Structures are given as C-alpha cells and as structure tokens.
Amino acid sequence: MADSKAKKQLLRVFEQPGFTWVDIAKPSLEAIEQLKDRYPHFLDIDLRDCLPPFQRPKLLHREKYLFMVLLFPVYNTETRTIESAELDLFIGPDFIVSNHSGRLKTIADLVD
C-alpha cells in the first residue's frame, strides 16, 4: 500500500486507548475515500451525505454506528444573513467521526 501513503492525509486523527476521533474539516471526495478506507463498514449512502449539497437534519441507526446530520445557524458578516452550517457525525462504541466545512468556530477550535 505504498500508494496510499503517498496520498495527502485529509483526515485528522486523534487516538487514545480504546477511542478514536477522526475529523474532516474540508469535505471532499478524496477525504471521504480515505474515511471509507479506514471504516469500510460505513454505508456509501451515508458517506455521500457528507459531501455538498447540504442535507436535512437526520439521525440514522445503523448496525455498527449512528449517523447524524446536524445544521447550525452561522451569521455571515458580509451579507448580514444567517446561513446553515452542516455537521455530520458517525458515532460508534469506540470512535467518533466529525465532518464539517470549518465554518463552525466551536468545532474548529475544539479540533485545534
């Protein structure tokens, strides 16, 4: 697998004994492919929902994980409007995966 090591790593991985947090701050097809390589049991339909366009909020119970799509209001100072920012979460017994555009300051600060 020397090929996969040459790829740019688009996932930020934080590991502790018995628990892993994987964060994707800029969803892209390549990042989702890397996530699929790491978690092959994630359903393709859930992985596609992590890419634009925005999804509706939802909570799905899968065999090995929960999949959530959450929307949060974000104020755009340029247009002076409130827009939606999406946060996708995969939650399992020993992992959490967060996927977001980086517009949610609280999540971005937590990752940093």
PDB file of N, CA and C in Angstrom:
ATOM      1  N   MET A   1       0.803  -1.201   0.000  1.00  0.00           N
ATOM      2  CA  MET A   1       0.000   0.000   0.000  1.00  0.00           C
ATOM      3  C   MET A   1       0.846   1.267   0.000  1.00  0.00           C
ATOM      4  N   ALA A   2       1.958   1.233  -0.655  1.00  0.00           N
ATOM      5  CA  ALA A   2       2.783   2.433  -0.739  1.00  0.00           C
ATOM      6  C   ALA A   2       2.020   3.557  -1.423  1.00  0.00           C
ATOM      7  N   ASP A   3       1.056   3.176  -2.250  1.00  0.00           N
ATOM      8  CA  ASP A   3       0.226   4.147  -2.950  1.00  0.00           C
ATOM      9  C   ASP A   3      -0.567   5.026  -1.992  1.00  0.00           C
ATOM     10  N   SER A   4      -1.176   4.422  -0.943  1.00  0.00           N
ATOM     11  CA  SER A   4      -1.992   5.189  -0.005  1.00  0.00           C
ATOM     12  C   SER A   4      -1.149   6.099   0.886  1.00  0.00           C
ATOM     13  N   LYS A   5       0.110   5.718   1.139  1.00  0.00           N
ATOM     14  CA  LYS A   5       0.975   6.563   1.958  1.00  0.00           C
ATOM     15  C   LYS A   5       1.370   7.828   1.202  1.00  0.00           C
ATOM     16  N   ALA A   6       1.386   7.756  -0.119  1.00  0.00           N
ATOM     17  CA  ALA A   6       1.746   8.919  -0.928  1.00  0.00           C
ATOM     18  C   ALA A   6       0.604   9.935  -0.982  1.00  0.00           C
ATOM     19  N   LYS A   7      -0.620   9.502  -0.670  1.00  0.00           N
ATOM     20  CA  LYS A   7      -1.764  10.402  -0.692  1.00  0.00           C
ATOM     21  C   LYS A   7      -1.657  11.427   0.427  1.00  0.00           C
ATOM     22  N   LYS A   8      -2.153  12.617   0.154  1.00  0.00           N
ATOM     23  CA  LYS A   8      -2.222  13.645   1.184  1.00  0.00           C
ATOM     24  C   LYS A   8      -3.258  13.202   2.221  1.00  0.00           C
ATOM     25  N   GLN A   9      -2.884  13.245   3.477  1.00  0.00           N
ATOM     26  CA  GLN A   9      -3.792  12.842   4.540  1.00  0.00           C
ATOM     27  C   GLN A   9      -4.789  13.964   4.814  1.00  0.00           C
ATOM     28  N   LEU A  10      -6.055  13.716   4.556  1.00  0.00           N
ATOM     29  CA  LEU A  10      -7.100  14.725   4.716  1.00  0.00           C
ATOM     30  C   LEU A  10      -7.898  14.529   6.000  1.00  0.00           C
ATOM     31  N   LEU A  11      -7.587  13.480   6.737  1.00  0.00           N
ATOM     32  CA  LEU A  11      -8.267  13.192   7.995  1.00  0.00           C
ATOM     33  C   LEU A  11      -7.337  13.552   9.144  1.00  0.00           C
ATOM     34  N   ARG A  12      -7.878  14.241  10.135  1.00  0.00           N
ATOM     35  CA  ARG A  12      -7.121  14.470  11.373  1.00  0.00           C
ATOM     36  C   ARG A  12      -7.574  13.409  12.354  1.00  0.00           C
ATOM     37  N   VAL A  13      -6.626  12.641  12.862  1.00  0.00           N
ATOM     38  CA  VAL A  13      -6.946  11.503  13.714  1.00  0.00           C
ATOM     39  C   VAL A  13      -6.344  11.724  15.094  1.00  0.00           C
ATOM     40  N   PHE A  14      -7.205  11.596  16.107  1.00  0.00           N
ATOM     41  CA  PHE A  14      -6.787  11.713  17.498  1.00  0.00           C
ATOM     42  C   PHE A  14      -7.110  10.381  18.167  1.00  0.00           C
ATOM     43  N   GLU A  15      -6.077   9.698  18.658  1.00  0.00           N
ATOM     44  CA  GLU A  15      -6.289   8.362  19.226  1.00  0.00           C
ATOM     45  C   GLU A  15      -5.872   8.314  20.691  1.00  0.00           C
ATOM     46  N   GLN A  16      -6.718   7.678  21.453  1.00  0.00           N
ATOM     47  CA  GLN A  16      -6.464   7.366  22.851  1.00  0.00           C
ATOM     48  C   GLN A  16      -6.748   5.874  23.008  1.00  0.00           C
ATOM     49  N   PRO A  17      -6.224   5.228  24.031  1.00  0.00           N
ATOM     50  CA  PRO A  17      -6.540   3.806  24.200  1.00  0.00           C
ATOM     51  C   PRO A  17      -8.062   3.586  24.251  1.00  0.00           C
ATOM     52  N   GLY A  18      -8.560   2.813  23.313  1.00  0.00           N
ATOM     53  CA  GLY A  18      -9.975   2.464  23.295  1.00  0.00           C
ATOM     54  C   GLY A  18     -10.900   3.470  22.630  1.00  0.00           C
ATOM     55  N   PHE A  19     -10.361   4.591  22.102  1.00  0.00           N
ATOM     56  CA  PHE A  19     -11.224   5.586  21.476  1.00  0.00           C
ATOM     57  C   PHE A  19     -10.461   6.366  20.407  1.00  0.00           C
ATOM     58  N   THR A  20     -11.124   6.631  19.289  1.00  0.00           N
ATOM     59  CA  THR A  20     -10.530   7.395  18.189  1.00  0.00           C
ATOM     60  C   THR A  20     -11.508   8.466  17.726  1.00  0.00           C
ATOM     61  N   TRP A  21     -10.988   9.676  17.498  1.00  0.00           N
ATOM     62  CA  TRP A  21     -11.772  10.753  16.904  1.00  0.00           C
ATOM     63  C   TRP A  21     -11.121  11.096  15.570  1.00  0.00           C
ATOM     64  N   VAL A  22     -11.891  11.019  14.510  1.00  0.00           N
ATOM     65  CA  VAL A  22     -11.431  11.380  13.176  1.00  0.00           C
ATOM     66  C   VAL A  22     -12.206  12.629  12.766  1.00  0.00           C
ATOM     67  N   ASP A  23     -11.491  13.652  12.305  1.00  0.00           N
ATOM     68  CA  ASP A  23     -12.126  14.897  11.901  1.00  0.00           C
ATOM     69  C   ASP A  23     -11.781  15.210  10.454  1.00  0.00           C
ATOM     70  N   ILE A  24     -12.821  15.603   9.706  1.00  0.00           N
ATOM     71  CA  ILE A  24     -12.645  16.098   8.340  1.00  0.00           C
ATOM     72  C   ILE A  24     -13.142  17.537   8.339  1.00  0.00           C
ATOM     73  N   ALA A  25     -12.229  18.476   8.102  1.00  0.00           N
ATOM     74  CA  ALA A  25     -12.601  19.892   8.161  1.00  0.00           C
ATOM     75  C   ALA A  25     -12.992  20.454   6.800  1.00  0.00           C
ATOM     76  N   LYS A  26     -12.638  19.809   5.741  1.00  0.00           N
ATOM     77  CA  LYS A  26     -12.994  20.246   4.396  1.00  0.00           C
ATOM     78  C   LYS A  26     -13.456  19.011   3.619  1.00  0.00           C
ATOM     79  N   PRO A  27     -14.755  18.745   3.623  1.00  0.00           N
ATOM     80  CA  PRO A  27     -15.216  17.537   2.938  1.00  0.00           C
ATOM     81  C   PRO A  27     -14.901  17.564   1.445  1.00  0.00           C
ATOM     82  N   SER A  28     -14.360  16.468   0.980  1.00  0.00           N
ATOM     83  CA  SER A  28     -14.058  16.303  -0.445  1.00  0.00           C
ATOM     84  C   SER A  28     -14.203  14.829  -0.771  1.00  0.00           C
ATOM     85  N   LEU A  29     -14.291  14.518  -2.033  1.00  0.00           N
ATOM     86  CA  LEU A  29     -14.405  13.123  -2.456  1.00  0.00           C
ATOM     87  C   LEU A  29     -13.191  12.331  -1.978  1.00  0.00           C
ATOM     88  N   GLU A  30     -12.015  12.931  -2.071  1.00  0.00           N
ATOM     89  CA  GLU A  30     -10.783  12.257  -1.642  1.00  0.00           C
ATOM     90  C   GLU A  30     -10.797  11.991  -0.128  1.00  0.00           C
ATOM     91  N   ALA A  31     -11.255  12.952   0.656  1.00  0.00           N
ATOM     92  CA  ALA A  31     -11.336  12.762   2.112  1.00  0.00           C
ATOM     93  C   ALA A  31     -12.327  11.652   2.459  1.00  0.00           C
ATOM     94  N   ILE A  32     -13.456  11.614   1.759  1.00  0.00           N
ATOM     95  CA  ILE A  32     -14.456  10.576   2.015  1.00  0.00           C
ATOM     96  C   ILE A  32     -13.911   9.205   1.619  1.00  0.00           C
ATOM     97  N   GLU A  33     -13.117   9.131   0.553  1.00  0.00           N
ATOM     98  CA  GLU A  33     -12.477   7.868   0.164  1.00  0.00           C
ATOM     99  C   GLU A  33     -11.526   7.389   1.268  1.00  0.00           C
ATOM    100  N   GLN A  34     -10.758   8.315   1.851  1.00  0.00           N
ATOM    101  CA  GLN A  34      -9.863   7.946   2.945  1.00  0.00           C
ATOM    102  C   GLN A  34     -10.655   7.459   4.158  1.00  0.00           C
ATOM    103  N   LEU A  35     -11.794   8.094   4.411  1.00  0.00           N
ATOM    104  CA  LEU A  35     -12.648   7.663   5.513  1.00  0.00           C
ATOM    105  C   LEU A  35     -13.191   6.261   5.243  1.00  0.00           C
ATOM    106  N   LYS A  36     -13.605   5.998   4.018  1.00  0.00           N
ATOM    107  CA  LYS A  36     -14.113   4.676   3.625  1.00  0.00           C
ATOM    108  C   LYS A  36     -13.030   3.615   3.797  1.00  0.00           C
ATOM    109  N   ASP A  37     -11.771   3.953   3.476  1.00  0.00           N
ATOM    110  CA  ASP A  37     -10.663   3.015   3.672  1.00  0.00           C
ATOM    111  C   ASP A  37     -10.486   2.682   5.149  1.00  0.00           C
ATOM    112  N   ARG A  38     -10.655   3.673   6.001  1.00  0.00           N
ATOM    113  CA  ARG A  38     -10.470   3.484   7.443  1.00  0.00           C
ATOM    114  C   ARG A  38     -11.658   2.764   8.073  1.00  0.00           C
ATOM    115  N   TYR A  39     -12.866   3.062   7.608  1.00  0.00           N
ATOM    116  CA  TYR A  39     -14.095   2.471   8.147  1.00  0.00           C
ATOM    117  C   TYR A  39     -14.915   1.860   6.999  1.00  0.00           C
ATOM    118  N   PRO A  40     -14.517   0.682   6.510  1.00  0.00           N
ATOM    119  CA  PRO A  40     -15.203   0.096   5.350  1.00  0.00           C
ATOM    120  C   PRO A  40     -16.658  -0.294   5.616  1.00  0.00           C
ATOM    121  N   HIS A  41     -17.064  -0.357   6.866  1.00  0.00           N
ATOM    122  CA  HIS A  41     -18.455  -0.714   7.186  1.00  0.00           C
ATOM    123  C   HIS A  41     -19.414   0.477   7.089  1.00  0.00           C
ATOM    124  N   PHE A  42     -18.894   1.703   6.880  1.00  0.00           N
ATOM    125  CA  PHE A  42     -19.780   2.847   6.670  1.00  0.00           C
ATOM    126  C   PHE A  42     -20.512   2.667   5.339  1.00  0.00           C
ATOM    127  N   LEU A  43     -21.806   2.890   5.355  1.00  0.00           N
ATOM    128  CA  LEU A  43     -22.594   2.742   4.137  1.00  0.00           C
ATOM    129  C   LEU A  43     -22.288   3.870   3.158  1.00  0.00           C
ATOM    130  N   ASP A  44     -22.260   3.546   1.872  1.00  0.00           N
ATOM    131  CA  ASP A  44     -21.976   4.540   0.834  1.00  0.00           C
ATOM    132  C   ASP A  44     -22.981   5.688   0.858  1.00  0.00           C
ATOM    133  N   ILE A  45     -24.240   5.391   1.133  1.00  0.00           N
ATOM    134  CA  ILE A  45     -25.262   6.449   1.159  1.00  0.00           C
ATOM    135  C   ILE A  45     -24.967   7.476   2.256  1.00  0.00           C
ATOM    136  N   ASP A  46     -24.450   7.021   3.406  1.00  0.00           N
ATOM    137  CA  ASP A  46     -24.085   7.945   4.486  1.00  0.00           C
ATOM    138  C   ASP A  46     -22.843   8.751   4.107  1.00  0.00           C
ATOM    139  N   LEU A  47     -21.885   8.108   3.475  1.00  0.00           N
ATOM    140  CA  LEU A  47     -20.670   8.808   3.056  1.00  0.00           C
ATOM    141  C   LEU A  47     -20.995   9.876   2.010  1.00  0.00           C
ATOM    142  N   ARG A  48     -21.887   9.577   1.089  1.00  0.00           N
ATOM    143  CA  ARG A  48     -22.293  10.580   0.085  1.00  0.00           C
ATOM    144  C   ARG A  48     -22.982  11.769   0.743  1.00  0.00           C
ATOM    145  N   ASP A  49     -23.714  11.523   1.823  1.00  0.00           N
ATOM    146  CA  ASP A  49     -24.386  12.619   2.527  1.00  0.00           C
ATOM    147  C   ASP A  49     -23.403  13.580   3.188  1.00  0.00           C
ATOM    148  N   CYS A  50     -22.141  13.190   3.283  1.00  0.00           N
ATOM    149  CA  CYS A  50     -21.118  14.059   3.870  1.00  0.00           C
ATOM    150  C   CYS A  50     -20.577  15.081   2.874  1.00  0.00           C
ATOM    151  N   LEU A  51     -20.942  14.934   1.628  1.00  0.00           N
ATOM    152  CA  LEU A  51     -20.499  15.870   0.592  1.00  0.00           C
ATOM    153  C   LEU A  51     -21.612  16.858   0.286  1.00  0.00           C
ATOM    154  N   PRO A  52     -21.256  18.062  -0.180  1.00  0.00           N
ATOM    155  CA  PRO A  52     -22.302  19.015  -0.564  1.00  0.00           C
ATOM    156  C   PRO A  52     -23.180  18.412  -1.656  1.00  0.00           C
ATOM    157  N   PRO A  53     -24.412  18.839  -1.789  1.00  0.00           N
ATOM    158  CA  PRO A  53     -25.084  19.944  -1.110  1.00  0.00           C
ATOM    159  C   PRO A  53     -25.551  19.541   0.285  1.00  0.00           C
ATOM    160  N   PHE A  54     -26.019  20.538   1.053  1.00  0.00           N
ATOM    161  CA  PHE A  54     -26.481  20.290   2.414  1.00  0.00           C
ATOM    162  C   PHE A  54     -27.585  19.246   2.450  1.00  0.00           C
ATOM    163  N   GLN A  55     -27.609  18.517   3.526  1.00  0.00           N
ATOM    164  CA  GLN A  55     -28.657  17.536   3.789  1.00  0.00           C
ATOM    165  C   GLN A  55     -29.637  18.116   4.798  1.00  0.00           C
ATOM    166  N   ARG A  56     -30.723  17.445   4.974  1.00  0.00           N
ATOM    167  CA  ARG A  56     -31.641  17.798   6.053  1.00  0.00           C
ATOM    168  C   ARG A  56     -31.142  17.120   7.324  1.00  0.00           C
ATOM    169  N   PRO A  57     -31.447  17.705   8.484  1.00  0.00           N
ATOM    170  CA  PRO A  57     -31.044  17.044   9.729  1.00  0.00           C
ATOM    171  C   PRO A  57     -31.667  15.648   9.795  1.00  0.00           C
ATOM    172  N   LYS A  58     -30.887  14.695  10.303  1.00  0.00           N
ATOM    173  CA  LYS A  58     -31.398  13.335  10.448  1.00  0.00           C
ATOM    174  C   LYS A  58     -30.546  12.559  11.429  1.00  0.00           C
ATOM    175  N   LEU A  59     -31.120  11.491  11.930  1.00  0.00           N
ATOM    176  CA  LEU A  59     -30.437  10.549  12.806  1.00  0.00           C
ATOM    177  C   LEU A  59     -30.793   9.159  12.321  1.00  0.00           C
ATOM    178  N   LEU A  60     -29.765   8.392  11.939  1.00  0.00           N
ATOM    179  CA  LEU A  60     -29.979   7.041  11.424  1.00  0.00           C
ATOM    180  C   LEU A  60     -29.234   6.038  12.289  1.00  0.00           C
ATOM    181  N   HIS A  61     -29.918   4.994  12.687  1.00  0.00           N
ATOM    182  CA  HIS A  61     -29.299   3.924  13.464  1.00  0.00           C
ATOM    183  C   HIS A  61     -28.862   2.825  12.510  1.00  0.00           C
ATOM    184  N   ARG A  62     -27.564   2.651  12.380  1.00  0.00           N
ATOM    185  CA  ARG A  62     -27.001   1.597  11.525  1.00  0.00           C
ATOM    186  C   ARG A  62     -26.551   0.447  12.423  1.00  0.00           C
ATOM    187  N   GLU A  63     -26.158  -0.649  11.814  1.00  0.00           N
ATOM    188  CA  GLU A  63     -25.782  -1.830  12.594  1.00  0.00           C
ATOM    189  C   GLU A  63     -24.592  -1.563  13.524  1.00  0.00           C
ATOM    190  N   LYS A  64     -23.585  -0.822  13.043  1.00  0.00           N
ATOM    191  CA  LYS A  64     -22.364  -0.622  13.827  1.00  0.00           C
ATOM    192  C   LYS A  64     -22.102   0.823  14.230  1.00  0.00           C
ATOM    193  N   TYR A  65     -23.036   1.723  13.910  1.00  0.00           N
ATOM    194  CA  TYR A  65     -22.821   3.137  14.239  1.00  0.00           C
ATOM    195  C   TYR A  65     -24.117   3.913  14.120  1.00  0.00           C
ATOM    196  N   LEU A  66     -24.100   5.125  14.653  1.00  0.00           N
ATOM    197  CA  LEU A  66     -25.164   6.105  14.426  1.00  0.00           C
ATOM    198  C   LEU A  66     -24.620   7.122  13.436  1.00  0.00           C
ATOM    199  N   PHE A  67     -25.492   7.593  12.558  1.00  0.00           N
ATOM    200  CA  PHE A  67     -25.105   8.647  11.628  1.00  0.00           C
ATOM    201  C   PHE A  67     -26.056   9.812  11.825  1.00  0.00           C
ATOM    202  N   MET A  68     -25.495  10.995  12.078  1.00  0.00           N
ATOM    203  CA  MET A  68     -26.296  12.201  12.299  1.00  0.00           C
ATOM    204  C   MET A  68     -25.871  13.301  11.345  1.00  0.00           C
ATOM    205  N   VAL A  69     -26.846  14.036  10.881  1.00  0.00           N
ATOM    206  CA  VAL A  69     -26.608  15.269  10.138  1.00  0.00           C
ATOM    207  C   VAL A  69     -27.276  16.373  10.948  1.00  0.00           C
ATOM    208  N   LEU A  70     -26.486  17.343  11.375  1.00  0.00           N
ATOM    209  CA  LEU A  70     -26.985  18.462  12.163  1.00  0.00           C
ATOM    210  C   LEU A  70     -26.729  19.759  11.399  1.00  0.00           C
ATOM    211  N   LEU A  71     -27.643  20.692  11.508  1.00  0.00           N
ATOM    212  CA  LEU A  71     -27.463  22.015  10.903  1.00  0.00           C
ATOM    213  C   LEU A  71     -27.454  23.067  12.000  1.00  0.00           C
ATOM    214  N   PHE A  72     -26.509  24.007  11.901  1.00  0.00           N
ATOM    215  CA  PHE A  72     -26.370  25.076  12.888  1.00  0.00           C
ATOM    216  C   PHE A  72     -26.418  26.425  12.179  1.00  0.00           C
ATOM    217  N   PRO A  73     -27.009  27.423  12.826  1.00  0.00           N
ATOM    218  CA  PRO A  73     -27.025  28.759  12.217  1.00  0.00           C
ATOM    219  C   PRO A  73     -25.658  29.433  12.354  1.00  0.00           C
ATOM    220  N   VAL A  74     -25.222  30.080  11.273  1.00  0.00           N
ATOM    221  CA  VAL A  74     -23.963  30.819  11.258  1.00  0.00           C
ATOM    222  C   VAL A  74     -24.244  32.176  10.637  1.00  0.00           C
ATOM    223  N   TYR A  75     -23.810  33.221  11.312  1.00  0.00           N
ATOM    224  CA  TYR A  75     -24.032  34.580  10.815  1.00  0.00           C
ATOM    225  C   TYR A  75     -22.946  34.949   9.809  1.00  0.00           C
ATOM    226  N   ASN A  76     -23.339  35.347   8.622  1.00  0.00           N
ATOM    227  CA  ASN A  76     -22.422  35.801   7.586  1.00  0.00           C
ATOM    228  C   ASN A  76     -22.316  37.322   7.701  1.00  0.00           C
ATOM    229  N   THR A  77     -21.153  37.805   8.125  1.00  0.00           N
ATOM    230  CA  THR A  77     -20.980  39.240   8.360  1.00  0.00           C
ATOM    231  C   THR A  77     -20.980  40.045   7.062  1.00  0.00           C
ATOM    232  N   GLU A  78     -20.594  39.411   5.945  1.00  0.00           N
ATOM    233  CA  GLU A  78     -20.577  40.131   4.662  1.00  0.00           C
ATOM    234  C   GLU A  78     -21.985  40.387   4.142  1.00  0.00           C
ATOM    235  N   THR A  79     -22.828  39.362   4.176  1.00  0.00           N
ATOM    236  CA  THR A  79     -24.183  39.506   3.643  1.00  0.00           C
ATOM    237  C   THR A  79     -25.198  39.874   4.717  1.00  0.00           C
ATOM    238  N   ARG A  80     -24.758  39.820   5.970  1.00  0.00           N
ATOM    239  CA  ARG A  80     -25.615  40.096   7.125  1.00  0.00           C
ATOM    240  C   ARG A  80     -26.852  39.193   7.138  1.00  0.00           C
ATOM    241  N   THR A  81     -26.591  37.928   6.823  1.00  0.00           N
ATOM    242  CA  THR A  81     -27.657  36.931   6.831  1.00  0.00           C
ATOM    243  C   THR A  81     -27.229  35.731   7.671  1.00  0.00           C
ATOM    244  N   ILE A  82     -28.201  34.963   8.059  1.00  0.00           N
ATOM    245  CA  ILE A  82     -27.923  33.726   8.787  1.00  0.00           C
ATOM    246  C   ILE A  82     -27.983  32.580   7.795  1.00  0.00           C
ATOM    247  N   GLU A  83     -26.928  31.775   7.794  1.00  0.00           N
ATOM    248  CA  GLU A  83     -26.815  30.631   6.894  1.00  0.00           C
ATOM    249  C   GLU A  83     -26.690  29.356   7.715  1.00  0.00           C
ATOM    250  N   SER A  84     -26.841  28.231   7.053  1.00  0.00           N
ATOM    251  CA  SER A  84     -26.703  26.934   7.724  1.00  0.00           C
ATOM    252  C   SER A  84     -25.297  26.388   7.542  1.00  0.00           C
ATOM    253  N   ALA A  85     -24.775  25.810   8.606  1.00  0.00           N
ATOM    254  CA  ALA A  85     -23.516  25.073   8.548  1.00  0.00           C
ATOM    255  C   ALA A  85     -23.819  23.646   8.984  1.00  0.00           C
ATOM    256  N   GLU A  86     -23.352  22.694   8.203  1.00  0.00           N
ATOM    257  CA  GLU A  86     -23.650  21.284   8.451  1.00  0.00           C
ATOM    258  C   GLU A  86     -22.533  20.618   9.243  1.00  0.00           C
ATOM    259  N   LEU A  87     -22.923  19.764  10.175  1.00  0.00           N
ATOM    260  CA  LEU A  87     -22.004  18.908  10.914  1.00  0.00           C
ATOM    261  C   LEU A  87     -22.532  17.490  10.789  1.00  0.00           C
ATOM    262  N   ASP A  88     -21.714  16.608  10.230  1.00  0.00           N
ATOM    263  CA  ASP A  88     -22.065  15.196  10.097  1.00  0.00           C
ATOM    264  C   ASP A  88     -21.263  14.422  11.136  1.00  0.00           C
ATOM    265  N   LEU A  89     -21.913  13.478  11.796  1.00  0.00           N
ATOM    266  CA  LEU A  89     -21.253  12.675  12.821  1.00  0.00           C
ATOM    267  C   LEU A  89     -21.533  11.197  12.609  1.00  0.00           C
ATOM    268  N   PHE A  90     -20.489  10.388  12.690  1.00  0.00           N
ATOM    269  CA  PHE A  90     -20.588   8.943  12.778  1.00  0.00           C
ATOM    270  C   PHE A  90     -20.161   8.610  14.202  1.00  0.00           C
ATOM    271  N   ILE A  91     -21.000   7.911  14.946  1.00  0.00           N
ATOM    272  CA  ILE A  91     -20.683   7.615  16.343  1.00  0.00           C
ATOM    273  C   ILE A  91     -20.785   6.111  16.562  1.00  0.00           C
ATOM    274  N   GLY A  92     -19.703   5.530  17.034  1.00  0.00           N
ATOM    275  CA  GLY A  92     -19.657   4.106  17.342  1.00  0.00           C
ATOM    276  C   GLY A  92     -19.202   3.900  18.767  1.00  0.00           C
ATOM    277  N   PRO A  93     -19.086   2.656  19.194  1.00  0.00           N
ATOM    278  CA  PRO A  93     -18.722   2.392  20.596  1.00  0.00           C
ATOM    279  C   PRO A  93     -17.313   2.849  20.966  1.00  0.00           C
ATOM    280  N   ASP A  94     -16.420   2.943  19.977  1.00  0.00           N
ATOM    281  CA  ASP A  94     -15.041   3.336  20.281  1.00  0.00           C
ATOM    282  C   ASP A  94     -14.503   4.396  19.316  1.00  0.00           C
ATOM    283  N   PHE A  95     -15.422   5.101  18.638  1.00  0.00           N
ATOM    284  CA  PHE A  95     -14.975   6.143  17.710  1.00  0.00           C
ATOM    285  C   PHE A  95     -16.055   7.192  17.517  1.00  0.00           C
ATOM    286  N   ILE A  96     -15.603   8.356  17.060  1.00  0.00           N
ATOM    287  CA  ILE A  96     -16.488   9.397  16.555  1.00  0.00           C
ATOM    288  C   ILE A  96     -15.798   9.997  15.339  1.00  0.00           C
ATOM    289  N   VAL A  97     -16.569  10.255  14.304  1.00  0.00           N
ATOM    290  CA  VAL A  97     -16.065  10.915  13.102  1.00  0.00           C
ATOM    291  C   VAL A  97     -16.883  12.179  12.921  1.00  0.00           C
ATOM    292  N   SER A  98     -16.206  13.307  12.805  1.00  0.00           N
ATOM    293  CA  SER A  98     -16.882  14.579  12.539  1.00  0.00           C
ATOM    294  C   SER A  98     -16.481  15.066  11.153  1.00  0.00           C
ATOM    295  N   ASN A  99     -17.451  15.582  10.446  1.00  0.00           N
ATOM    296  CA  ASN A  99     -17.247  16.091   9.093  1.00  0.00           C
ATOM    297  C   ASN A  99     -17.945  17.444   9.003  1.00  0.00           C
ATOM    298  N   HIS A 100     -17.186  18.480   8.632  1.00  0.00           N
ATOM    299  CA  HIS A 100     -17.743  19.836   8.609  1.00  0.00           C
ATOM    300  C   HIS A 100     -16.912  20.708   7.677  1.00  0.00           C
ATOM    301  N   SER A 101     -17.445  21.871   7.354  1.00  0.00           N
ATOM    302  CA  SER A 101     -16.762  22.773   6.422  1.00  0.00           C
ATOM    303  C   SER A 101     -15.750  23.687   7.101  1.00  0.00           C
ATOM    304  N   GLY A 102     -15.677  23.658   8.418  1.00  0.00           N
ATOM    305  CA  GLY A 102     -14.769  24.548   9.139  1.00  0.00           C
ATOM    306  C   GLY A 102     -15.420  25.861   9.536  1.00  0.00           C
ATOM    307  N   ARG A 103     -16.700  26.047   9.188  1.00  0.00           N
ATOM    308  CA  ARG A 103     -17.404  27.298   9.487  1.00  0.00           C
ATOM    309  C   ARG A 103     -17.925  27.346  10.918  1.00  0.00           C
ATOM    310  N   LEU A 104     -17.943  26.212  11.593  1.00  0.00           N
ATOM    311  CA  LEU A 104     -18.411  26.173  12.986  1.00  0.00           C
ATOM    312  C   LEU A 104     -17.211  26.397  13.895  1.00  0.00           C
ATOM    313  N   LYS A 105     -17.075  27.616  14.398  1.00  0.00           N
ATOM    314  CA  LYS A 105     -15.899  28.002  15.179  1.00  0.00           C
ATOM    315  C   LYS A 105     -15.668  27.094  16.388  1.00  0.00           C
ATOM    316  N   THR A 106     -16.741  26.715  17.060  1.00  0.00           N
ATOM    317  CA  THR A 106     -16.597  25.868  18.240  1.00  0.00           C
ATOM    318  C   THR A 106     -15.953  24.526  17.891  1.00  0.00           C
ATOM    319  N   ILE A 107     -16.388  23.915  16.808  1.00  0.00           N
ATOM    320  CA  ILE A 107     -15.805  22.626  16.373  1.00  0.00           C
ATOM    321  C   ILE A 107     -14.370  22.833  15.913  1.00  0.00           C
ATOM    322  N   ALA A 108     -14.107  23.852  15.123  1.00  0.00           N
ATOM    323  CA  ALA A 108     -12.753  24.129  14.646  1.00  0.00           C
ATOM    324  C   ALA A 108     -11.809  24.382  15.813  1.00  0.00           C
ATOM    325  N   ASP A 109     -12.257  25.135  16.810  1.00  0.00           N
ATOM    326  CA  ASP A 109     -11.425  25.404  17.990  1.00  0.00           C
ATOM    327  C   ASP A 109     -11.156  24.108  18.765  1.00  0.00           C
ATOM    328  N   LEU A 110     -12.156  23.266  18.900  1.00  0.00           N
ATOM    329  CA  LEU A 110     -12.001  22.007  19.621  1.00  0.00           C
ATOM    330  C   LEU A 110     -10.971  21.108  18.929  1.00  0.00           C
ATOM    331  N   VAL A 111     -11.034  21.040  17.619  1.00  0.00           N
ATOM    332  CA  VAL A 111     -10.082  20.217  16.855  1.00  0.00           C
ATOM    333  C   VAL A 111      -8.677  20.764  17.022  1.00  0.00           C
ATOM    334  N   ASP A 112      -8.529  22.079  16.950  1.00  0.00           N
ATOM    335  CA  ASP A 112      -7.195  22.698  17.094  1.00  0.00           C
ATOM    336  C   ASP A 112      -6.671  22.546  18.499  1.00  0.00           C
TER     337      ASP A 112
END
